[in-house]
């Protein structure tokens, strides 16, 4: 029984590490996209776009990446769940509540990862952005 508990603890630790890496990855990609699109965002602000519109556009882009990741992750986990069936305690391999909670947790973490780059994009000064090279 102890070896199964160790395996479960290791699996949970790797899952937490994967969640952290996904959050850092989404943040990094969005921060890079915001940096690359600084002139475009500055031009949009100069032409009258609201900060909320810019914020929502960047956040939507990040959450679409997260949505694709959630869909691919659900498909992969359903495919692999039969292999991990002997490591699960009192949980069915296709438990919908587990998949729902995991998807919601990842979506919330992705939303937090999108917040900082989206906020930075919404605060772009058009004069500084148009001079940016």
N, C-alpha and C. Protein backbone atom coordinates (compact mmCIF):
# COMPACT_ATOMS: atom_id res chain seq x y z
N UNK A 1 0.82 -1.20 0.00
CA UNK A 1 0.00 0.00 0.00
C UNK A 1 0.87 1.27 0.00
N UNK A 2 2.00 1.20 0.66
CA UNK A 2 2.86 2.39 0.73
C UNK A 2 3.39 2.77 -0.64
N UNK A 3 3.72 1.79 -1.47
CA UNK A 3 4.25 2.12 -2.79
C UNK A 3 3.19 2.81 -3.64
N UNK A 4 1.92 2.42 -3.49
CA UNK A 4 0.86 3.10 -4.23
C UNK A 4 0.68 4.53 -3.73
N UNK A 5 0.82 4.74 -2.44
CA UNK A 5 0.70 6.09 -1.90
C UNK A 5 1.84 6.97 -2.40
N UNK A 6 3.02 6.42 -2.45
CA UNK A 6 4.17 7.17 -2.96
C UNK A 6 3.95 7.51 -4.43
N UNK A 7 3.46 6.54 -5.19
CA UNK A 7 3.19 6.80 -6.60
C UNK A 7 2.13 7.89 -6.77
N UNK A 8 1.11 7.84 -5.93
CA UNK A 8 0.05 8.85 -6.01
C UNK A 8 0.57 10.23 -5.63
N UNK A 9 1.41 10.28 -4.60
CA UNK A 9 1.98 11.57 -4.20
C UNK A 9 2.88 12.12 -5.31
N UNK A 10 3.67 11.25 -5.92
CA UNK A 10 4.52 11.69 -7.03
C UNK A 10 3.67 12.18 -8.21
N UNK A 11 2.61 11.45 -8.51
CA UNK A 11 1.74 11.84 -9.61
C UNK A 11 1.08 13.19 -9.32
N UNK A 12 0.65 13.40 -8.08
CA UNK A 12 0.07 14.70 -7.71
C UNK A 12 1.09 15.82 -7.77
N UNK A 13 2.31 15.53 -7.36
CA UNK A 13 3.38 16.54 -7.44
C UNK A 13 3.70 16.92 -8.87
N UNK A 14 3.76 15.91 -9.74
CA UNK A 14 4.00 16.21 -11.15
C UNK A 14 2.83 16.96 -11.77
N UNK A 15 1.62 16.67 -11.34
CA UNK A 15 0.46 17.40 -11.85
C UNK A 15 0.52 18.86 -11.42
N UNK A 16 0.91 19.10 -10.17
CA UNK A 16 1.05 20.49 -9.70
C UNK A 16 2.15 21.21 -10.47
N UNK A 17 3.26 20.51 -10.72
CA UNK A 17 4.34 21.11 -11.49
C UNK A 17 3.90 21.42 -12.92
N UNK A 18 3.11 20.53 -13.51
CA UNK A 18 2.59 20.78 -14.86
C UNK A 18 1.68 21.98 -14.88
N UNK A 19 0.87 22.15 -13.84
CA UNK A 19 -0.02 23.31 -13.75
C UNK A 19 0.78 24.60 -13.64
N UNK A 20 1.84 24.58 -12.86
CA UNK A 20 2.69 25.76 -12.72
C UNK A 20 3.40 26.08 -14.04
N UNK A 21 3.91 25.05 -14.70
CA UNK A 21 4.58 25.26 -15.99
C UNK A 21 3.62 25.78 -17.04
N UNK A 22 2.39 25.30 -17.04
CA UNK A 22 1.39 25.80 -17.99
C UNK A 22 1.09 27.27 -17.72
N UNK A 23 0.99 27.64 -16.45
CA UNK A 23 0.73 29.03 -16.09
C UNK A 23 1.89 29.93 -16.55
N UNK A 24 3.11 29.51 -16.28
CA UNK A 24 4.27 30.28 -16.69
C UNK A 24 4.36 30.36 -18.21
N UNK A 25 4.01 29.27 -18.88
CA UNK A 25 4.04 29.26 -20.35
C UNK A 25 3.04 30.21 -20.95
N UNK A 26 1.82 30.20 -20.44
CA UNK A 26 0.80 31.12 -20.94
C UNK A 26 1.21 32.56 -20.68
N UNK A 27 1.72 32.82 -19.48
CA UNK A 27 2.17 34.17 -19.15
C UNK A 27 3.29 34.60 -20.10
N UNK A 28 4.26 33.71 -20.33
CA UNK A 28 5.38 34.05 -21.19
C UNK A 28 4.96 34.33 -22.62
N UNK A 29 4.08 33.49 -23.15
CA UNK A 29 3.62 33.69 -24.52
C UNK A 29 2.85 35.01 -24.64
N UNK A 30 1.96 35.28 -23.70
CA UNK A 30 1.19 36.53 -23.77
C UNK A 30 2.07 37.75 -23.55
N UNK A 31 3.04 37.67 -22.65
CA UNK A 31 3.94 38.80 -22.45
C UNK A 31 4.74 39.07 -23.72
N UNK A 32 5.17 38.02 -24.40
CA UNK A 32 5.89 38.18 -25.65
C UNK A 32 4.99 38.77 -26.73
N UNK A 33 3.75 38.29 -26.82
CA UNK A 33 2.82 38.81 -27.83
C UNK A 33 2.53 40.29 -27.58
N UNK A 34 2.34 40.66 -26.32
CA UNK A 34 2.08 42.06 -25.99
C UNK A 34 3.28 42.92 -26.36
N UNK A 35 4.49 42.41 -26.11
CA UNK A 35 5.69 43.15 -26.47
C UNK A 35 5.80 43.32 -27.99
N UNK A 36 5.50 42.27 -28.73
CA UNK A 36 5.57 42.33 -30.18
C UNK A 36 4.48 43.23 -30.77
N UNK A 37 3.35 43.31 -30.11
CA UNK A 37 2.22 44.08 -30.64
C UNK A 37 2.09 45.46 -29.98
N UNK A 38 3.15 45.95 -29.35
CA UNK A 38 3.07 47.23 -28.65
C UNK A 38 2.68 48.36 -29.58
N UNK A 39 3.26 48.41 -30.77
CA UNK A 39 2.91 49.48 -31.71
C UNK A 39 1.46 49.36 -32.15
N UNK A 40 1.02 48.17 -32.44
CA UNK A 40 -0.37 47.98 -32.86
C UNK A 40 -1.33 48.39 -31.76
N UNK A 41 -1.03 47.99 -30.54
CA UNK A 41 -1.90 48.35 -29.40
C UNK A 41 -1.89 49.86 -29.20
N UNK A 42 -0.70 50.48 -29.31
CA UNK A 42 -0.62 51.93 -29.19
C UNK A 42 -1.41 52.64 -30.27
N UNK A 43 -1.38 52.13 -31.49
CA UNK A 43 -2.15 52.71 -32.58
C UNK A 43 -3.64 52.58 -32.31
N UNK A 44 -4.06 51.42 -31.81
CA UNK A 44 -5.48 51.24 -31.49
C UNK A 44 -5.94 52.20 -30.40
N UNK A 45 -5.08 52.38 -29.39
CA UNK A 45 -5.42 53.32 -28.31
C UNK A 45 -5.46 54.74 -28.86
N UNK A 46 -4.51 55.08 -29.74
CA UNK A 46 -4.48 56.42 -30.32
C UNK A 46 -5.72 56.69 -31.19
N UNK A 47 -6.25 55.64 -31.80
CA UNK A 47 -7.44 55.79 -32.64
C UNK A 47 -8.74 55.71 -31.85
N UNK A 48 -8.64 55.50 -30.53
CA UNK A 48 -9.83 55.57 -29.70
C UNK A 48 -10.29 54.29 -29.04
N UNK A 49 -9.50 53.25 -29.08
CA UNK A 49 -9.90 52.00 -28.42
C UNK A 49 -9.83 52.19 -26.91
N UNK A 50 -10.81 51.66 -26.22
CA UNK A 50 -10.82 51.72 -24.77
C UNK A 50 -9.81 50.74 -24.20
N UNK A 51 -9.37 51.03 -22.99
CA UNK A 51 -8.45 50.12 -22.31
C UNK A 51 -9.14 48.78 -22.05
N UNK A 52 -10.44 48.82 -21.81
CA UNK A 52 -11.16 47.56 -21.56
C UNK A 52 -11.20 46.69 -22.82
N UNK A 53 -11.32 47.32 -23.99
CA UNK A 53 -11.30 46.55 -25.24
C UNK A 53 -9.95 45.89 -25.47
N UNK A 54 -8.87 46.62 -25.20
CA UNK A 54 -7.53 46.07 -25.35
C UNK A 54 -7.32 44.94 -24.35
N UNK A 55 -7.74 45.16 -23.11
CA UNK A 55 -7.61 44.14 -22.07
C UNK A 55 -8.35 42.87 -22.47
N UNK A 56 -9.57 43.01 -22.92
CA UNK A 56 -10.37 41.84 -23.31
C UNK A 56 -9.79 41.12 -24.52
N UNK A 57 -9.23 41.87 -25.47
CA UNK A 57 -8.65 41.23 -26.66
C UNK A 57 -7.45 40.37 -26.29
N UNK A 58 -6.58 40.88 -25.43
CA UNK A 58 -5.40 40.12 -25.01
C UNK A 58 -5.80 38.94 -24.13
N UNK A 59 -6.72 39.17 -23.21
CA UNK A 59 -7.19 38.09 -22.34
C UNK A 59 -7.90 37.01 -23.15
N UNK A 60 -8.66 37.41 -24.16
CA UNK A 60 -9.35 36.44 -25.01
C UNK A 60 -8.35 35.58 -25.77
N UNK A 61 -7.27 36.20 -26.23
CA UNK A 61 -6.24 35.44 -26.95
C UNK A 61 -5.61 34.40 -26.02
N UNK A 62 -5.30 34.80 -24.80
CA UNK A 62 -4.71 33.86 -23.85
C UNK A 62 -5.66 32.76 -23.45
N UNK A 63 -6.92 33.10 -23.24
CA UNK A 63 -7.88 32.08 -22.84
C UNK A 63 -8.22 31.14 -23.99
N UNK A 64 -8.08 31.60 -25.23
CA UNK A 64 -8.29 30.67 -26.34
C UNK A 64 -7.16 29.63 -26.37
N UNK A 65 -5.94 30.06 -26.06
CA UNK A 65 -4.84 29.10 -25.93
C UNK A 65 -5.11 28.11 -24.80
N UNK A 66 -5.62 28.63 -23.70
CA UNK A 66 -5.93 27.76 -22.57
C UNK A 66 -7.07 26.80 -22.91
N UNK A 67 -8.05 27.27 -23.65
CA UNK A 67 -9.16 26.41 -24.05
C UNK A 67 -8.70 25.26 -24.94
N UNK A 68 -7.79 25.56 -25.85
CA UNK A 68 -7.22 24.51 -26.70
C UNK A 68 -6.45 23.52 -25.83
N UNK A 69 -5.70 24.03 -24.88
CA UNK A 69 -4.95 23.15 -23.98
C UNK A 69 -5.85 22.29 -23.13
N UNK A 70 -6.96 22.86 -22.65
CA UNK A 70 -7.91 22.08 -21.85
C UNK A 70 -8.53 20.98 -22.70
N UNK A 71 -8.93 21.30 -23.92
CA UNK A 71 -9.55 20.30 -24.79
C UNK A 71 -8.57 19.17 -25.11
N UNK A 72 -7.33 19.53 -25.46
CA UNK A 72 -6.33 18.50 -25.76
C UNK A 72 -5.98 17.68 -24.51
N UNK A 73 -5.93 18.35 -23.37
CA UNK A 73 -5.64 17.66 -22.12
C UNK A 73 -6.74 16.69 -21.72
N UNK A 74 -7.99 17.10 -21.91
CA UNK A 74 -9.10 16.19 -21.61
C UNK A 74 -9.08 14.97 -22.53
N UNK A 75 -8.82 15.20 -23.81
CA UNK A 75 -8.76 14.07 -24.74
C UNK A 75 -7.61 13.12 -24.38
N UNK A 76 -6.45 13.68 -24.06
CA UNK A 76 -5.31 12.83 -23.71
C UNK A 76 -5.55 12.10 -22.39
N UNK A 77 -6.15 12.78 -21.42
CA UNK A 77 -6.38 12.13 -20.14
C UNK A 77 -7.42 11.03 -20.24
N UNK A 78 -8.41 11.21 -21.08
CA UNK A 78 -9.38 10.13 -21.30
C UNK A 78 -8.71 8.93 -21.97
N UNK A 79 -7.77 9.19 -22.85
CA UNK A 79 -7.08 8.10 -23.53
C UNK A 79 -6.13 7.36 -22.59
N UNK A 80 -5.51 8.07 -21.67
CA UNK A 80 -4.50 7.48 -20.79
C UNK A 80 -5.11 6.98 -19.47
N UNK A 81 -6.33 7.35 -19.17
CA UNK A 81 -6.91 7.02 -17.87
C UNK A 81 -6.99 5.53 -17.61
N UNK A 82 -7.15 4.74 -18.62
CA UNK A 82 -7.20 3.28 -18.43
C UNK A 82 -5.85 2.73 -17.97
N UNK A 83 -4.77 3.35 -18.42
CA UNK A 83 -3.45 2.90 -18.01
C UNK A 83 -3.17 3.21 -16.54
N UNK A 84 -3.75 4.30 -16.03
CA UNK A 84 -3.52 4.73 -14.66
C UNK A 84 -4.60 4.23 -13.70
N UNK A 85 -5.45 3.36 -14.15
CA UNK A 85 -6.60 2.91 -13.36
C UNK A 85 -6.16 2.27 -12.05
N UNK A 86 -5.05 1.55 -12.02
CA UNK A 86 -4.62 0.89 -10.78
C UNK A 86 -4.04 1.86 -9.76
N UNK A 87 -3.76 3.11 -10.15
CA UNK A 87 -3.26 4.11 -9.20
C UNK A 87 -4.37 4.93 -8.55
N UNK A 88 -5.59 4.79 -9.03
CA UNK A 88 -6.69 5.60 -8.53
C UNK A 88 -7.36 4.93 -7.34
N UNK A 89 -7.65 5.71 -6.31
CA UNK A 89 -8.32 5.21 -5.13
C UNK A 89 -9.70 5.83 -5.04
N UNK A 90 -10.73 5.01 -5.04
CA UNK A 90 -12.13 5.44 -4.91
C UNK A 90 -12.55 6.45 -5.98
N UNK A 91 -11.91 6.44 -7.12
CA UNK A 91 -12.28 7.32 -8.22
C UNK A 91 -12.30 6.49 -9.50
N UNK A 92 -13.35 6.65 -10.27
CA UNK A 92 -13.41 5.96 -11.55
C UNK A 92 -12.47 6.66 -12.53
N UNK A 93 -11.93 5.93 -13.50
CA UNK A 93 -11.01 6.57 -14.46
C UNK A 93 -11.68 7.65 -15.32
N UNK A 94 -12.98 7.58 -15.48
CA UNK A 94 -13.69 8.59 -16.28
C UNK A 94 -14.68 9.36 -15.43
N UNK A 95 -14.26 9.73 -14.21
CA UNK A 95 -15.12 10.48 -13.30
C UNK A 95 -15.33 11.90 -13.82
N UNK A 96 -16.57 12.27 -14.18
CA UNK A 96 -16.79 13.60 -14.76
C UNK A 96 -16.49 14.74 -13.78
N UNK A 97 -16.73 14.53 -12.49
CA UNK A 97 -16.48 15.59 -11.52
C UNK A 97 -14.98 15.91 -11.45
N UNK A 98 -14.16 14.89 -11.53
CA UNK A 98 -12.71 15.10 -11.50
C UNK A 98 -12.25 15.89 -12.71
N UNK A 99 -12.75 15.52 -13.87
CA UNK A 99 -12.38 16.23 -15.09
C UNK A 99 -12.88 17.68 -15.07
N UNK A 100 -14.08 17.88 -14.53
CA UNK A 100 -14.64 19.23 -14.45
C UNK A 100 -13.82 20.11 -13.51
N UNK A 101 -13.50 19.58 -12.34
CA UNK A 101 -12.73 20.36 -11.37
C UNK A 101 -11.33 20.67 -11.91
N UNK A 102 -10.69 19.69 -12.53
CA UNK A 102 -9.35 19.92 -13.09
C UNK A 102 -9.41 20.97 -14.20
N UNK A 103 -10.43 20.91 -15.04
CA UNK A 103 -10.56 21.90 -16.12
C UNK A 103 -10.81 23.30 -15.56
N UNK A 104 -11.64 23.40 -14.54
CA UNK A 104 -11.92 24.70 -13.94
C UNK A 104 -10.69 25.28 -13.25
N UNK A 105 -9.93 24.43 -12.56
CA UNK A 105 -8.71 24.90 -11.91
C UNK A 105 -7.73 25.43 -12.95
N UNK A 106 -7.55 24.67 -14.04
CA UNK A 106 -6.64 25.12 -15.08
C UNK A 106 -7.14 26.42 -15.73
N UNK A 107 -8.44 26.53 -15.94
CA UNK A 107 -8.99 27.76 -16.54
C UNK A 107 -8.76 28.96 -15.62
N UNK A 108 -8.93 28.77 -14.31
CA UNK A 108 -8.69 29.87 -13.38
C UNK A 108 -7.21 30.26 -13.34
N UNK A 109 -6.34 29.27 -13.35
CA UNK A 109 -4.90 29.56 -13.36
C UNK A 109 -4.52 30.28 -14.66
N UNK A 110 -5.09 29.85 -15.77
CA UNK A 110 -4.81 30.50 -17.05
C UNK A 110 -5.33 31.93 -17.05
N UNK A 111 -6.48 32.16 -16.44
CA UNK A 111 -7.03 33.51 -16.35
C UNK A 111 -6.11 34.41 -15.54
N UNK A 112 -5.57 33.89 -14.45
CA UNK A 112 -4.61 34.67 -13.66
C UNK A 112 -3.33 34.93 -14.46
N UNK A 113 -2.90 33.95 -15.25
CA UNK A 113 -1.69 34.14 -16.06
C UNK A 113 -1.92 35.17 -17.16
N UNK A 114 -3.16 35.31 -17.64
CA UNK A 114 -3.48 36.28 -18.69
C UNK A 114 -3.64 37.69 -18.13
N UNK A 115 -3.91 37.80 -16.86
CA UNK A 115 -4.26 39.10 -16.28
C UNK A 115 -3.13 40.12 -16.40
N UNK A 116 -1.90 39.75 -16.04
CA UNK A 116 -0.80 40.72 -16.01
C UNK A 116 -0.45 41.23 -17.41
N UNK A 117 -0.26 40.36 -18.41
CA UNK A 117 0.02 40.91 -19.75
C UNK A 117 -1.15 41.71 -20.32
N UNK A 118 -2.38 41.29 -20.03
CA UNK A 118 -3.54 42.03 -20.53
C UNK A 118 -3.63 43.40 -19.87
N UNK A 119 -3.34 43.46 -18.59
CA UNK A 119 -3.35 44.75 -17.88
C UNK A 119 -2.26 45.66 -18.41
N UNK A 120 -1.07 45.08 -18.69
CA UNK A 120 0.04 45.87 -19.25
C UNK A 120 -0.33 46.40 -20.63
N UNK A 121 -1.00 45.59 -21.43
CA UNK A 121 -1.41 46.03 -22.77
C UNK A 121 -2.44 47.13 -22.68
N UNK A 122 -3.33 47.06 -21.69
CA UNK A 122 -4.38 48.08 -21.55
C UNK A 122 -3.81 49.42 -21.10
N UNK A 123 -2.64 49.41 -20.48
CA UNK A 123 -2.04 50.65 -19.98
C UNK A 123 -0.99 51.24 -20.92
N UNK A 124 -0.93 50.75 -22.14
CA UNK A 124 0.07 51.25 -23.10
C UNK A 124 -0.21 52.72 -23.42
N UNK A 125 0.84 53.53 -23.33
CA UNK A 125 0.74 54.94 -23.70
C UNK A 125 0.95 55.03 -25.22
N UNK A 126 0.01 55.60 -25.96
CA UNK A 126 0.13 55.61 -27.41
C UNK A 126 1.38 56.32 -27.92
N UNK A 127 1.80 57.41 -27.29
CA UNK A 127 2.99 58.13 -27.75
C UNK A 127 4.25 57.29 -27.59
N UNK A 128 4.36 56.62 -26.47
CA UNK A 128 5.52 55.77 -26.23
C UNK A 128 5.49 54.57 -27.15
N UNK A 129 4.32 54.01 -27.36
CA UNK A 129 4.17 52.81 -28.21
C UNK A 129 4.50 53.10 -29.66
N UNK A 130 4.10 54.27 -30.15
CA UNK A 130 4.37 54.59 -31.56
C UNK A 130 5.85 54.89 -31.81
N UNK A 131 6.57 55.32 -30.77
CA UNK A 131 8.00 55.53 -30.89
C UNK A 131 8.78 54.24 -30.65
N UNK A 132 8.14 53.22 -30.14
CA UNK A 132 8.79 51.97 -29.76
C UNK A 132 9.29 51.23 -30.99
N UNK A 133 10.49 50.77 -30.97
CA UNK A 133 11.08 50.00 -32.09
C UNK A 133 11.64 48.72 -31.56
